[in-house]
Amino acid sequence: MDLPLQEEFNREVQMMMNLHHKSIVQFIGASKVPGKLAILTEFIPGGNLQTLLTAKTLDINLKLKIALDIADALQFLHTNNILHRDI
């Protein structure tokens, strides 16, 4: 495995170890085995956010609460100079 990838992995792990927010999945640990890197986070049942927010059976008020929680988490990340690349 190339060194830049391992360095990026190490930076990501260090960043996640220090993130504690009610709306961000918690870091559990990291694993390095030859040829593989893994970051372990808490399990959140129910699928991903896109599936949840597009569910027709979900009440609009609950969708709004979820969206506000996401905005709060993003504000927290941005305050800590972190840009979430998947949103």
N, C-alpha and C. Protein backbone atom coordinates (compact mmCIF):
# COMPACT_ATOMS: atom_id res chain seq x y z
N MET A 1 0.86 -1.18 0.00
CA MET A 1 0.00 0.00 0.00
C MET A 1 0.90 1.23 0.00
N ASP A 2 0.52 2.23 -0.80
CA ASP A 2 1.41 3.37 -0.93
C ASP A 2 1.34 4.29 0.29
N LEU A 3 2.44 4.98 0.53
CA LEU A 3 2.60 5.82 1.71
C LEU A 3 1.59 6.97 1.76
N PRO A 4 1.30 7.68 0.65
CA PRO A 4 0.30 8.76 0.73
C PRO A 4 -1.07 8.27 1.22
N LEU A 5 -1.48 7.08 0.78
CA LEU A 5 -2.77 6.53 1.22
C LEU A 5 -2.75 6.24 2.72
N GLN A 6 -1.66 5.69 3.21
CA GLN A 6 -1.54 5.41 4.64
C GLN A 6 -1.53 6.70 5.45
N GLU A 7 -0.87 7.73 4.93
CA GLU A 7 -0.84 9.03 5.63
C GLU A 7 -2.23 9.65 5.67
N GLU A 8 -2.96 9.57 4.57
CA GLU A 8 -4.33 10.09 4.54
C GLU A 8 -5.21 9.32 5.52
N PHE A 9 -5.05 8.00 5.55
CA PHE A 9 -5.79 7.16 6.48
C PHE A 9 -5.49 7.57 7.92
N ASN A 10 -4.22 7.76 8.25
CA ASN A 10 -3.84 8.16 9.60
C ASN A 10 -4.44 9.51 9.97
N ARG A 11 -4.44 10.46 9.05
CA ARG A 11 -5.05 11.79 9.31
C ARG A 11 -6.55 11.65 9.57
N GLU A 12 -7.20 10.83 8.76
CA GLU A 12 -8.64 10.61 8.92
C GLU A 12 -8.95 10.01 10.29
N VAL A 13 -8.18 9.02 10.69
CA VAL A 13 -8.38 8.37 11.99
C VAL A 13 -8.16 9.38 13.11
N GLN A 14 -7.09 10.16 13.05
CA GLN A 14 -6.82 11.15 14.09
C GLN A 14 -7.96 12.16 14.19
N MET A 15 -8.47 12.60 13.04
CA MET A 15 -9.57 13.56 13.04
C MET A 15 -10.81 12.95 13.68
N MET A 16 -11.14 11.72 13.30
CA MET A 16 -12.36 11.09 13.81
C MET A 16 -12.28 10.78 15.30
N MET A 17 -11.10 10.52 15.80
CA MET A 17 -10.94 10.22 17.22
C MET A 17 -11.35 11.41 18.09
N ASN A 18 -11.28 12.61 17.54
CA ASN A 18 -11.57 13.82 18.31
C ASN A 18 -12.94 14.42 18.02
N LEU A 19 -13.76 13.75 17.22
CA LEU A 19 -15.09 14.27 16.89
C LEU A 19 -16.14 13.66 17.81
N HIS A 20 -16.82 14.50 18.53
CA HIS A 20 -17.89 14.02 19.40
C HIS A 20 -19.07 14.97 19.26
N HIS A 21 -20.11 14.48 18.59
CA HIS A 21 -21.32 15.28 18.36
C HIS A 21 -22.49 14.32 18.29
N LYS A 22 -23.63 14.74 18.80
CA LYS A 22 -24.79 13.86 18.87
C LYS A 22 -25.30 13.39 17.51
N SER A 23 -24.99 14.14 16.46
CA SER A 23 -25.50 13.79 15.14
C SER A 23 -24.43 13.26 14.19
N ILE A 24 -23.29 12.88 14.73
CA ILE A 24 -22.21 12.30 13.92
C ILE A 24 -21.91 10.90 14.46
N VAL A 25 -21.89 9.92 13.57
CA VAL A 25 -21.61 8.55 14.02
C VAL A 25 -20.26 8.54 14.73
N GLN A 26 -20.21 7.77 15.79
CA GLN A 26 -19.00 7.74 16.62
C GLN A 26 -17.95 6.78 16.07
N PHE A 27 -16.72 7.21 16.13
CA PHE A 27 -15.57 6.41 15.74
C PHE A 27 -15.38 5.31 16.77
N ILE A 28 -15.20 4.08 16.31
CA ILE A 28 -14.96 2.94 17.20
C ILE A 28 -13.49 2.54 17.16
N GLY A 29 -12.94 2.46 15.97
CA GLY A 29 -11.55 2.06 15.86
C GLY A 29 -11.10 1.99 14.41
N ALA A 30 -9.85 1.59 14.24
CA ALA A 30 -9.29 1.47 12.90
C ALA A 30 -8.49 0.19 12.83
N SER A 31 -8.39 -0.32 11.62
CA SER A 31 -7.66 -1.57 11.42
C SER A 31 -6.77 -1.45 10.18
N LYS A 32 -5.55 -1.91 10.33
CA LYS A 32 -4.62 -1.99 9.20
C LYS A 32 -4.12 -3.42 9.12
N VAL A 33 -4.43 -4.07 8.01
CA VAL A 33 -3.86 -5.38 7.72
C VAL A 33 -3.24 -5.26 6.33
N PRO A 34 -2.29 -6.10 6.01
CA PRO A 34 -1.63 -5.96 4.70
C PRO A 34 -2.62 -5.82 3.55
N GLY A 35 -2.54 -4.67 2.86
CA GLY A 35 -3.39 -4.42 1.70
C GLY A 35 -4.77 -3.87 1.99
N LYS A 36 -5.12 -3.71 3.28
CA LYS A 36 -6.47 -3.24 3.62
C LYS A 36 -6.42 -2.27 4.78
N LEU A 37 -7.24 -1.23 4.65
CA LEU A 37 -7.42 -0.25 5.73
C LEU A 37 -8.92 -0.19 6.03
N ALA A 38 -9.29 -0.07 7.29
CA ALA A 38 -10.70 0.00 7.65
C ALA A 38 -10.90 0.96 8.81
N ILE A 39 -11.94 1.78 8.71
CA ILE A 39 -12.36 2.65 9.80
C ILE A 39 -13.70 2.11 10.29
N LEU A 40 -13.80 1.86 11.57
CA LEU A 40 -15.01 1.30 12.16
C LEU A 40 -15.78 2.39 12.89
N THR A 41 -17.07 2.48 12.59
CA THR A 41 -17.94 3.45 13.27
C THR A 41 -19.12 2.71 13.87
N GLU A 42 -19.85 3.41 14.72
CA GLU A 42 -21.04 2.79 15.31
C GLU A 42 -22.04 2.43 14.22
N PHE A 43 -22.82 1.40 14.47
CA PHE A 43 -23.85 0.95 13.54
C PHE A 43 -25.12 1.76 13.77
N ILE A 44 -25.66 2.29 12.68
CA ILE A 44 -26.92 3.03 12.75
C ILE A 44 -27.94 2.26 11.91
N PRO A 45 -28.94 1.66 12.54
CA PRO A 45 -29.92 0.88 11.78
C PRO A 45 -30.82 1.78 10.93
N GLY A 46 -31.41 1.23 9.89
CA GLY A 46 -32.40 1.96 9.12
C GLY A 46 -31.91 2.45 7.77
N GLY A 47 -30.70 2.14 7.39
CA GLY A 47 -30.23 2.55 6.08
C GLY A 47 -29.54 3.90 6.09
N ASN A 48 -29.35 4.45 4.91
CA ASN A 48 -28.64 5.71 4.82
C ASN A 48 -29.59 6.90 4.88
N LEU A 49 -29.05 8.10 4.97
CA LEU A 49 -29.87 9.31 5.11
C LEU A 49 -30.74 9.57 3.90
N GLN A 50 -30.22 9.32 2.71
CA GLN A 50 -31.01 9.56 1.51
C GLN A 50 -32.27 8.71 1.52
N THR A 51 -32.13 7.43 1.87
CA THR A 51 -33.28 6.54 1.94
C THR A 51 -34.28 7.03 2.97
N LEU A 52 -33.76 7.45 4.12
CA LEU A 52 -34.64 7.92 5.19
C LEU A 52 -35.38 9.19 4.79
N LEU A 53 -34.67 10.16 4.22
CA LEU A 53 -35.29 11.44 3.88
C LEU A 53 -36.24 11.35 2.69
N THR A 54 -36.09 10.35 1.85
CA THR A 54 -37.00 10.21 0.71
C THR A 54 -38.14 9.23 0.97
N ALA A 55 -38.19 8.68 2.17
CA ALA A 55 -39.26 7.74 2.51
C ALA A 55 -40.61 8.47 2.51
N LYS A 56 -41.54 7.93 1.78
CA LYS A 56 -42.86 8.57 1.68
C LYS A 56 -43.67 8.43 2.98
N THR A 57 -43.33 7.46 3.80
CA THR A 57 -44.09 7.23 5.03
C THR A 57 -43.57 8.07 6.20
N LEU A 58 -42.47 8.76 6.01
CA LEU A 58 -41.89 9.55 7.09
C LEU A 58 -42.58 10.91 7.18
N ASP A 59 -43.00 11.27 8.36
CA ASP A 59 -43.68 12.54 8.60
C ASP A 59 -42.78 13.72 8.24
N ILE A 60 -43.34 14.74 7.63
CA ILE A 60 -42.57 15.91 7.19
C ILE A 60 -41.88 16.60 8.37
N ASN A 61 -42.51 16.60 9.54
CA ASN A 61 -41.89 17.23 10.71
C ASN A 61 -40.64 16.47 11.16
N LEU A 62 -40.68 15.14 11.04
CA LEU A 62 -39.51 14.33 11.38
C LEU A 62 -38.40 14.55 10.34
N LYS A 63 -38.78 14.66 9.07
CA LYS A 63 -37.80 14.96 8.02
C LYS A 63 -37.12 16.30 8.30
N LEU A 64 -37.89 17.28 8.72
CA LEU A 64 -37.33 18.60 9.03
C LEU A 64 -36.37 18.52 10.21
N LYS A 65 -36.74 17.75 11.24
CA LYS A 65 -35.85 17.58 12.39
C LYS A 65 -34.54 16.93 11.96
N ILE A 66 -34.62 15.92 11.12
CA ILE A 66 -33.42 15.26 10.63
C ILE A 66 -32.55 16.24 9.85
N ALA A 67 -33.17 17.02 8.97
CA ALA A 67 -32.43 18.01 8.18
C ALA A 67 -31.75 19.03 9.09
N LEU A 68 -32.42 19.46 10.14
CA LEU A 68 -31.83 20.42 11.09
C LEU A 68 -30.67 19.79 11.86
N ASP A 69 -30.81 18.51 12.21
CA ASP A 69 -29.70 17.80 12.88
C ASP A 69 -28.49 17.69 11.96
N ILE A 70 -28.74 17.45 10.67
CA ILE A 70 -27.65 17.38 9.71
C ILE A 70 -26.96 18.74 9.60
N ALA A 71 -27.76 19.80 9.51
CA ALA A 71 -27.20 21.15 9.42
C ALA A 71 -26.37 21.47 10.67
N ASP A 72 -26.85 21.06 11.83
CA ASP A 72 -26.11 21.28 13.07
C ASP A 72 -24.78 20.53 13.06
N ALA A 73 -24.80 19.30 12.59
CA ALA A 73 -23.56 18.50 12.51
C ALA A 73 -22.58 19.13 11.52
N LEU A 74 -23.08 19.60 10.38
CA LEU A 74 -22.20 20.25 9.40
C LEU A 74 -21.61 21.54 9.96
N GLN A 75 -22.41 22.29 10.69
CA GLN A 75 -21.90 23.51 11.33
C GLN A 75 -20.78 23.16 12.30
N PHE A 76 -20.97 22.10 13.08
CA PHE A 76 -19.94 21.63 14.00
C PHE A 76 -18.66 21.28 13.25
N LEU A 77 -18.80 20.53 12.15
CA LEU A 77 -17.62 20.16 11.36
C LEU A 77 -16.92 21.39 10.80
N HIS A 78 -17.68 22.30 10.23
CA HIS A 78 -17.08 23.50 9.63
C HIS A 78 -16.40 24.36 10.69
N THR A 79 -16.97 24.43 11.87
CA THR A 79 -16.36 25.17 12.97
C THR A 79 -15.01 24.57 13.34
N ASN A 80 -14.88 23.26 13.13
CA ASN A 80 -13.63 22.55 13.42
C ASN A 80 -12.76 22.38 12.17
N ASN A 81 -13.02 23.21 11.16
CA ASN A 81 -12.24 23.22 9.92
C ASN A 81 -12.23 21.87 9.21
N ILE A 82 -13.39 21.21 9.22
CA ILE A 82 -13.54 19.92 8.54
C ILE A 82 -14.62 20.07 7.48
N LEU A 83 -14.31 19.64 6.28
CA LEU A 83 -15.27 19.64 5.18
C LEU A 83 -15.69 18.21 4.92
N HIS A 84 -16.98 17.93 5.02
CA HIS A 84 -17.51 16.59 4.75
C HIS A 84 -17.60 16.42 3.24
N ARG A 85 -16.90 15.44 2.70
CA ARG A 85 -16.82 15.29 1.25
C ARG A 85 -17.97 14.50 0.64
N ASP A 86 -18.83 13.90 1.45
CA ASP A 86 -19.89 13.05 0.90
C ASP A 86 -21.26 13.69 0.92
N ILE A 87 -21.34 14.93 1.31
CA ILE A 87 -22.68 15.57 1.36
C ILE A 87 -22.77 16.60 0.27
